[in-house]
Amino acid sequence: MKLISQDFSPRIRSVAIAGNDAADVTVRLDLSTVPVFKQQIPAAIGEAENVILDLSNVAFVDSSGLGAILSCVRDLTASGGDLKICSVQQRVMVMFDLVRLPKIIGIHEDVDAARAAFGG
């Protein structure tokens, strides 16, 4: 797994979760990959105030992946920022709905919609 960052403004950065190479078209955010995610996410976020987490390549999220996402939310909101999620695959969205994640985090259709939700 690797994280790919893109700046939209000094305040807004998108972070996409991707495979290690072109053959890795889908990624799991689970017990086996969360340590890598937690190690890479601070550098991927950098100094951004608001972050869009693009999950278009993520095919599965378990409770440890959910915890890692919520940890990012906690860290960003503690510093006055926010996290929005976009491009969630249906299987992952079922998990998010079960734990009522959309009541905590803004989940949007794509990066453009998430960016618009930040006003950017």
N, C-alpha and C. Protein backbone atom coordinates (compact mmCIF):
# COMPACT_ATOMS: atom_id res chain seq x y z
N MET A 1 0.84 -1.17 0.00
CA MET A 1 0.00 0.00 0.00
C MET A 1 0.89 1.23 0.00
N LYS A 2 0.44 2.26 -0.72
CA LYS A 2 1.12 3.55 -0.67
C LYS A 2 0.05 4.64 -0.70
N LEU A 3 0.41 5.80 -0.21
CA LEU A 3 -0.50 6.95 -0.19
C LEU A 3 0.00 7.98 -1.17
N ILE A 4 -0.91 8.51 -1.97
CA ILE A 4 -0.57 9.51 -2.98
C ILE A 4 -1.30 10.80 -2.64
N SER A 5 -0.53 11.88 -2.45
CA SER A 5 -1.11 13.17 -2.06
C SER A 5 -1.19 14.12 -3.24
N GLN A 6 -2.22 14.96 -3.21
CA GLN A 6 -2.38 16.02 -4.21
C GLN A 6 -2.94 17.25 -3.51
N ASP A 7 -2.28 18.38 -3.68
CA ASP A 7 -2.76 19.63 -3.08
C ASP A 7 -3.73 20.32 -4.01
N PHE A 8 -4.86 20.78 -3.43
CA PHE A 8 -5.82 21.58 -4.17
C PHE A 8 -5.70 23.05 -3.80
N SER A 9 -5.23 23.30 -2.60
CA SER A 9 -5.00 24.65 -2.12
C SER A 9 -4.09 24.51 -0.90
N PRO A 10 -3.63 25.61 -0.33
CA PRO A 10 -2.83 25.48 0.88
C PRO A 10 -3.60 24.81 2.04
N ARG A 11 -4.92 24.85 1.99
CA ARG A 11 -5.75 24.30 3.06
C ARG A 11 -6.27 22.88 2.80
N ILE A 12 -6.33 22.47 1.52
CA ILE A 12 -6.99 21.21 1.18
C ILE A 12 -6.03 20.28 0.44
N ARG A 13 -5.92 19.06 0.93
CA ARG A 13 -5.08 18.04 0.30
C ARG A 13 -5.88 16.76 0.16
N SER A 14 -5.73 16.11 -0.98
CA SER A 14 -6.34 14.81 -1.21
C SER A 14 -5.29 13.73 -1.00
N VAL A 15 -5.68 12.65 -0.32
CA VAL A 15 -4.79 11.51 -0.11
C VAL A 15 -5.51 10.28 -0.64
N ALA A 16 -4.92 9.65 -1.65
CA ALA A 16 -5.49 8.43 -2.23
C ALA A 16 -4.69 7.22 -1.74
N ILE A 17 -5.39 6.17 -1.41
CA ILE A 17 -4.76 4.91 -1.02
C ILE A 17 -4.63 4.07 -2.28
N ALA A 18 -3.41 3.62 -2.57
CA ALA A 18 -3.17 2.85 -3.79
C ALA A 18 -2.36 1.61 -3.46
N GLY A 19 -2.29 0.71 -4.44
CA GLY A 19 -1.44 -0.47 -4.30
C GLY A 19 0.01 -0.09 -4.50
N ASN A 20 0.90 -1.03 -4.26
CA ASN A 20 2.33 -0.76 -4.40
C ASN A 20 2.77 -0.64 -5.84
N ASP A 21 2.04 -1.25 -6.76
CA ASP A 21 2.39 -1.15 -8.17
C ASP A 21 1.13 -1.24 -9.01
N ALA A 22 1.28 -1.16 -10.32
CA ALA A 22 0.13 -1.14 -11.22
C ALA A 22 -0.71 -2.41 -11.13
N ALA A 23 -0.09 -3.52 -10.72
CA ALA A 23 -0.83 -4.78 -10.60
C ALA A 23 -1.78 -4.76 -9.41
N ASP A 24 -1.52 -3.91 -8.43
CA ASP A 24 -2.37 -3.81 -7.24
C ASP A 24 -3.49 -2.82 -7.51
N VAL A 25 -4.60 -3.30 -8.09
CA VAL A 25 -5.70 -2.40 -8.42
C VAL A 25 -6.67 -2.22 -7.27
N THR A 26 -6.64 -3.14 -6.32
CA THR A 26 -7.49 -2.98 -5.14
C THR A 26 -6.65 -3.15 -3.88
N VAL A 27 -7.06 -2.45 -2.86
CA VAL A 27 -6.33 -2.42 -1.61
C VAL A 27 -7.29 -2.74 -0.48
N ARG A 28 -6.77 -3.37 0.55
CA ARG A 28 -7.54 -3.64 1.77
C ARG A 28 -6.98 -2.74 2.86
N LEU A 29 -7.86 -2.11 3.61
CA LEU A 29 -7.45 -1.35 4.79
C LEU A 29 -7.89 -2.20 5.98
N ASP A 30 -6.98 -3.08 6.40
CA ASP A 30 -7.30 -4.04 7.45
C ASP A 30 -6.11 -4.23 8.38
N LEU A 31 -6.22 -5.20 9.25
CA LEU A 31 -5.19 -5.44 10.27
C LEU A 31 -3.79 -5.56 9.66
N SER A 32 -3.68 -6.12 8.47
CA SER A 32 -2.36 -6.31 7.86
C SER A 32 -1.80 -5.04 7.23
N THR A 33 -2.66 -4.09 6.84
CA THR A 33 -2.18 -2.89 6.15
C THR A 33 -2.26 -1.62 7.00
N VAL A 34 -3.02 -1.64 8.08
CA VAL A 34 -3.17 -0.45 8.92
C VAL A 34 -1.83 0.08 9.46
N PRO A 35 -0.89 -0.79 9.87
CA PRO A 35 0.39 -0.24 10.34
C PRO A 35 1.10 0.62 9.28
N VAL A 36 1.04 0.19 8.02
CA VAL A 36 1.64 0.97 6.94
C VAL A 36 0.88 2.28 6.76
N PHE A 37 -0.44 2.20 6.78
CA PHE A 37 -1.27 3.41 6.66
C PHE A 37 -0.93 4.41 7.76
N LYS A 38 -0.87 3.93 9.01
CA LYS A 38 -0.58 4.82 10.14
C LYS A 38 0.82 5.41 10.05
N GLN A 39 1.74 4.67 9.48
CA GLN A 39 3.11 5.17 9.32
C GLN A 39 3.18 6.24 8.24
N GLN A 40 2.44 6.06 7.14
CA GLN A 40 2.53 6.95 6.00
C GLN A 40 1.60 8.16 6.06
N ILE A 41 0.50 8.06 6.79
CA ILE A 41 -0.51 9.13 6.74
C ILE A 41 -0.01 10.48 7.24
N PRO A 42 0.82 10.57 8.29
CA PRO A 42 1.26 11.91 8.70
C PRO A 42 2.02 12.66 7.59
N ALA A 43 2.90 11.98 6.89
CA ALA A 43 3.64 12.63 5.81
C ALA A 43 2.71 12.96 4.64
N ALA A 44 1.74 12.07 4.37
CA ALA A 44 0.81 12.32 3.27
C ALA A 44 -0.08 13.53 3.55
N ILE A 45 -0.48 13.68 4.80
CA ILE A 45 -1.31 14.83 5.18
C ILE A 45 -0.48 16.10 5.24
N GLY A 46 0.74 15.98 5.74
CA GLY A 46 1.61 17.16 5.84
C GLY A 46 1.01 18.23 6.71
N GLU A 47 1.05 19.44 6.23
CA GLU A 47 0.54 20.59 6.98
C GLU A 47 -0.90 20.95 6.58
N ALA A 48 -1.54 20.09 5.78
CA ALA A 48 -2.89 20.40 5.32
C ALA A 48 -3.86 20.49 6.49
N GLU A 49 -4.74 21.45 6.39
CA GLU A 49 -5.76 21.66 7.42
C GLU A 49 -6.94 20.71 7.20
N ASN A 50 -7.31 20.54 5.94
CA ASN A 50 -8.45 19.71 5.58
C ASN A 50 -7.99 18.63 4.60
N VAL A 51 -8.46 17.41 4.80
CA VAL A 51 -7.99 16.28 4.01
C VAL A 51 -9.17 15.53 3.41
N ILE A 52 -9.01 15.16 2.14
CA ILE A 52 -9.95 14.30 1.44
C ILE A 52 -9.29 12.94 1.32
N LEU A 53 -9.91 11.92 1.88
CA LEU A 53 -9.38 10.56 1.80
C LEU A 53 -10.11 9.83 0.68
N ASP A 54 -9.40 9.61 -0.42
CA ASP A 54 -9.96 8.97 -1.62
C ASP A 54 -9.84 7.46 -1.46
N LEU A 55 -10.97 6.78 -1.33
CA LEU A 55 -10.98 5.33 -1.13
C LEU A 55 -11.35 4.56 -2.39
N SER A 56 -11.18 5.16 -3.56
CA SER A 56 -11.61 4.50 -4.80
C SER A 56 -10.92 3.16 -5.04
N ASN A 57 -9.71 2.97 -4.54
CA ASN A 57 -8.99 1.70 -4.72
C ASN A 57 -9.17 0.74 -3.56
N VAL A 58 -9.91 1.15 -2.54
CA VAL A 58 -10.05 0.32 -1.34
C VAL A 58 -11.29 -0.57 -1.47
N ALA A 59 -11.05 -1.88 -1.48
CA ALA A 59 -12.13 -2.85 -1.68
C ALA A 59 -12.65 -3.42 -0.37
N PHE A 60 -11.91 -3.22 0.73
CA PHE A 60 -12.31 -3.81 2.00
C PHE A 60 -11.76 -2.99 3.14
N VAL A 61 -12.58 -2.75 4.16
CA VAL A 61 -12.16 -2.08 5.39
C VAL A 61 -12.70 -2.89 6.55
N ASP A 62 -11.81 -3.25 7.50
CA ASP A 62 -12.28 -3.94 8.69
C ASP A 62 -12.25 -2.96 9.87
N SER A 63 -12.47 -3.47 11.07
CA SER A 63 -12.56 -2.58 12.23
C SER A 63 -11.25 -1.85 12.50
N SER A 64 -10.11 -2.47 12.22
CA SER A 64 -8.84 -1.78 12.44
C SER A 64 -8.66 -0.65 11.41
N GLY A 65 -9.13 -0.86 10.18
CA GLY A 65 -9.09 0.19 9.17
C GLY A 65 -10.00 1.34 9.54
N LEU A 66 -11.17 1.00 10.04
CA LEU A 66 -12.11 2.01 10.50
C LEU A 66 -11.50 2.82 11.64
N GLY A 67 -10.84 2.14 12.56
CA GLY A 67 -10.17 2.82 13.67
C GLY A 67 -9.08 3.76 13.19
N ALA A 68 -8.35 3.36 12.15
CA ALA A 68 -7.29 4.22 11.60
C ALA A 68 -7.88 5.48 10.98
N ILE A 69 -9.01 5.33 10.29
CA ILE A 69 -9.68 6.49 9.70
C ILE A 69 -10.17 7.43 10.80
N LEU A 70 -10.79 6.87 11.83
CA LEU A 70 -11.29 7.69 12.93
C LEU A 70 -10.15 8.37 13.68
N SER A 71 -9.01 7.74 13.75
CA SER A 71 -7.84 8.36 14.37
C SER A 71 -7.40 9.59 13.58
N CYS A 72 -7.46 9.49 12.25
CA CYS A 72 -7.14 10.65 11.41
C CYS A 72 -8.12 11.79 11.65
N VAL A 73 -9.39 11.44 11.75
CA VAL A 73 -10.42 12.46 12.02
C VAL A 73 -10.13 13.15 13.35
N ARG A 74 -9.84 12.36 14.37
CA ARG A 74 -9.55 12.92 15.69
C ARG A 74 -8.34 13.87 15.64
N ASP A 75 -7.28 13.44 14.99
CA ASP A 75 -6.08 14.28 14.90
C ASP A 75 -6.34 15.57 14.13
N LEU A 76 -7.06 15.48 13.02
CA LEU A 76 -7.34 16.67 12.22
C LEU A 76 -8.27 17.63 12.94
N THR A 77 -9.32 17.12 13.57
CA THR A 77 -10.26 18.02 14.26
C THR A 77 -9.61 18.65 15.49
N ALA A 78 -8.69 17.94 16.12
CA ALA A 78 -7.99 18.50 17.29
C ALA A 78 -7.15 19.71 16.89
N SER A 79 -6.71 19.75 15.63
CA SER A 79 -5.91 20.88 15.17
C SER A 79 -6.74 21.87 14.35
N GLY A 80 -8.07 21.74 14.42
CA GLY A 80 -8.94 22.69 13.73
C GLY A 80 -9.27 22.33 12.29
N GLY A 81 -8.88 21.14 11.84
CA GLY A 81 -9.14 20.72 10.47
C GLY A 81 -10.30 19.75 10.39
N ASP A 82 -10.40 19.08 9.25
CA ASP A 82 -11.49 18.13 9.03
C ASP A 82 -11.07 17.10 7.99
N LEU A 83 -11.78 15.99 7.95
CA LEU A 83 -11.55 14.93 6.98
C LEU A 83 -12.85 14.62 6.27
N LYS A 84 -12.79 14.48 4.97
CA LYS A 84 -13.92 14.03 4.17
C LYS A 84 -13.45 12.80 3.40
N ILE A 85 -14.36 11.88 3.16
CA ILE A 85 -14.06 10.65 2.43
C ILE A 85 -14.79 10.70 1.10
N CYS A 86 -14.16 10.13 0.06
CA CYS A 86 -14.84 10.10 -1.24
C CYS A 86 -14.56 8.79 -1.96
N SER A 87 -15.35 8.57 -2.99
CA SER A 87 -15.19 7.45 -3.92
C SER A 87 -15.17 6.09 -3.21
N VAL A 88 -16.15 5.88 -2.37
CA VAL A 88 -16.22 4.66 -1.57
C VAL A 88 -16.93 3.56 -2.37
N GLN A 89 -16.29 2.40 -2.47
CA GLN A 89 -16.90 1.26 -3.14
C GLN A 89 -18.08 0.75 -2.33
N GLN A 90 -19.04 0.16 -3.00
CA GLN A 90 -20.30 -0.27 -2.36
C GLN A 90 -20.06 -1.20 -1.17
N ARG A 91 -19.17 -2.15 -1.31
CA ARG A 91 -18.91 -3.10 -0.22
C ARG A 91 -18.40 -2.38 1.03
N VAL A 92 -17.54 -1.40 0.82
CA VAL A 92 -17.00 -0.62 1.94
C VAL A 92 -18.10 0.27 2.52
N MET A 93 -18.94 0.83 1.67
CA MET A 93 -20.01 1.71 2.13
C MET A 93 -20.99 0.96 3.03
N VAL A 94 -21.21 -0.32 2.76
CA VAL A 94 -22.08 -1.13 3.61
C VAL A 94 -21.52 -1.15 5.03
N MET A 95 -20.22 -1.35 5.16
CA MET A 95 -19.57 -1.35 6.48
C MET A 95 -19.72 0.03 7.14
N PHE A 96 -19.47 1.08 6.37
CA PHE A 96 -19.59 2.43 6.92
C PHE A 96 -21.01 2.71 7.40
N ASP A 97 -22.00 2.27 6.63
CA ASP A 97 -23.39 2.47 7.03
C ASP A 97 -23.73 1.69 8.31
N LEU A 98 -23.20 0.49 8.43
CA LEU A 98 -23.46 -0.34 9.62
C LEU A 98 -22.99 0.35 10.90
N VAL A 99 -21.87 1.04 10.81
CA VAL A 99 -21.34 1.71 12.01
C VAL A 99 -21.71 3.20 12.04
N ARG A 100 -22.58 3.59 11.11
CA ARG A 100 -23.09 4.97 11.03
C ARG A 100 -21.98 6.01 10.86
N LEU A 101 -20.96 5.65 10.11
CA LEU A 101 -19.86 6.57 9.85
C LEU A 101 -20.30 7.86 9.14
N PRO A 102 -21.28 7.78 8.21
CA PRO A 102 -21.71 9.02 7.55
C PRO A 102 -22.26 10.09 8.50
N LYS A 103 -22.62 9.71 9.72
CA LYS A 103 -23.08 10.70 10.70
C LYS A 103 -21.90 11.44 11.33
N ILE A 104 -20.70 10.88 11.19
CA ILE A 104 -19.49 11.45 11.80
C ILE A 104 -18.62 12.16 10.77
N ILE A 105 -18.52 11.54 9.58
CA ILE A 105 -17.62 12.02 8.53
C ILE A 105 -18.42 12.27 7.26
N GLY A 106 -18.13 13.36 6.59
CA GLY A 106 -18.75 13.61 5.29
C GLY A 106 -18.23 12.63 4.27
N ILE A 107 -19.14 11.90 3.61
CA ILE A 107 -18.76 10.95 2.58
C ILE A 107 -19.36 11.43 1.27
N HIS A 108 -18.49 11.58 0.26
CA HIS A 108 -18.90 12.20 -1.00
C HIS A 108 -18.63 11.28 -2.19
N GLU A 109 -19.32 11.56 -3.28
CA GLU A 109 -19.25 10.72 -4.47
C GLU A 109 -17.85 10.69 -5.07
N ASP A 110 -17.21 11.85 -5.15
CA ASP A 110 -15.87 11.91 -5.75
C ASP A 110 -15.07 13.05 -5.13
N VAL A 111 -13.83 13.18 -5.58
CA VAL A 111 -12.93 14.20 -5.03
C VAL A 111 -13.50 15.60 -5.22
N ASP A 112 -14.07 15.86 -6.39
CA ASP A 112 -14.62 17.20 -6.66
C ASP A 112 -15.74 17.55 -5.68
N ALA A 113 -16.61 16.59 -5.39
CA ALA A 113 -17.71 16.84 -4.45
C ALA A 113 -17.17 17.07 -3.03
N ALA A 114 -16.16 16.32 -2.64
CA ALA A 114 -15.56 16.51 -1.31
C ALA A 114 -14.88 17.85 -1.23
N ARG A 115 -14.18 18.22 -2.29
CA ARG A 115 -13.51 19.53 -2.32
C ARG A 115 -14.53 20.66 -2.22
N ALA A 116 -15.64 20.52 -2.93
CA ALA A 116 -16.70 21.52 -2.88
C ALA A 116 -17.27 21.63 -1.46
N ALA A 117 -17.37 20.50 -0.75
CA ALA A 117 -17.88 20.51 0.61
C ALA A 117 -16.97 21.31 1.54
N PHE A 118 -15.68 21.38 1.20
CA PHE A 118 -14.74 22.21 1.95
C PHE A 118 -14.78 23.67 1.50
N GLY A 119 -15.53 23.92 0.42
CA GLY A 119 -15.57 25.28 -0.12
C GLY A 119 -14.38 25.59 -0.99
N GLY A 120 -13.76 24.57 -1.54
CA GLY A 120 -12.53 24.76 -2.32
C GLY A 120 -12.63 24.36 -3.71
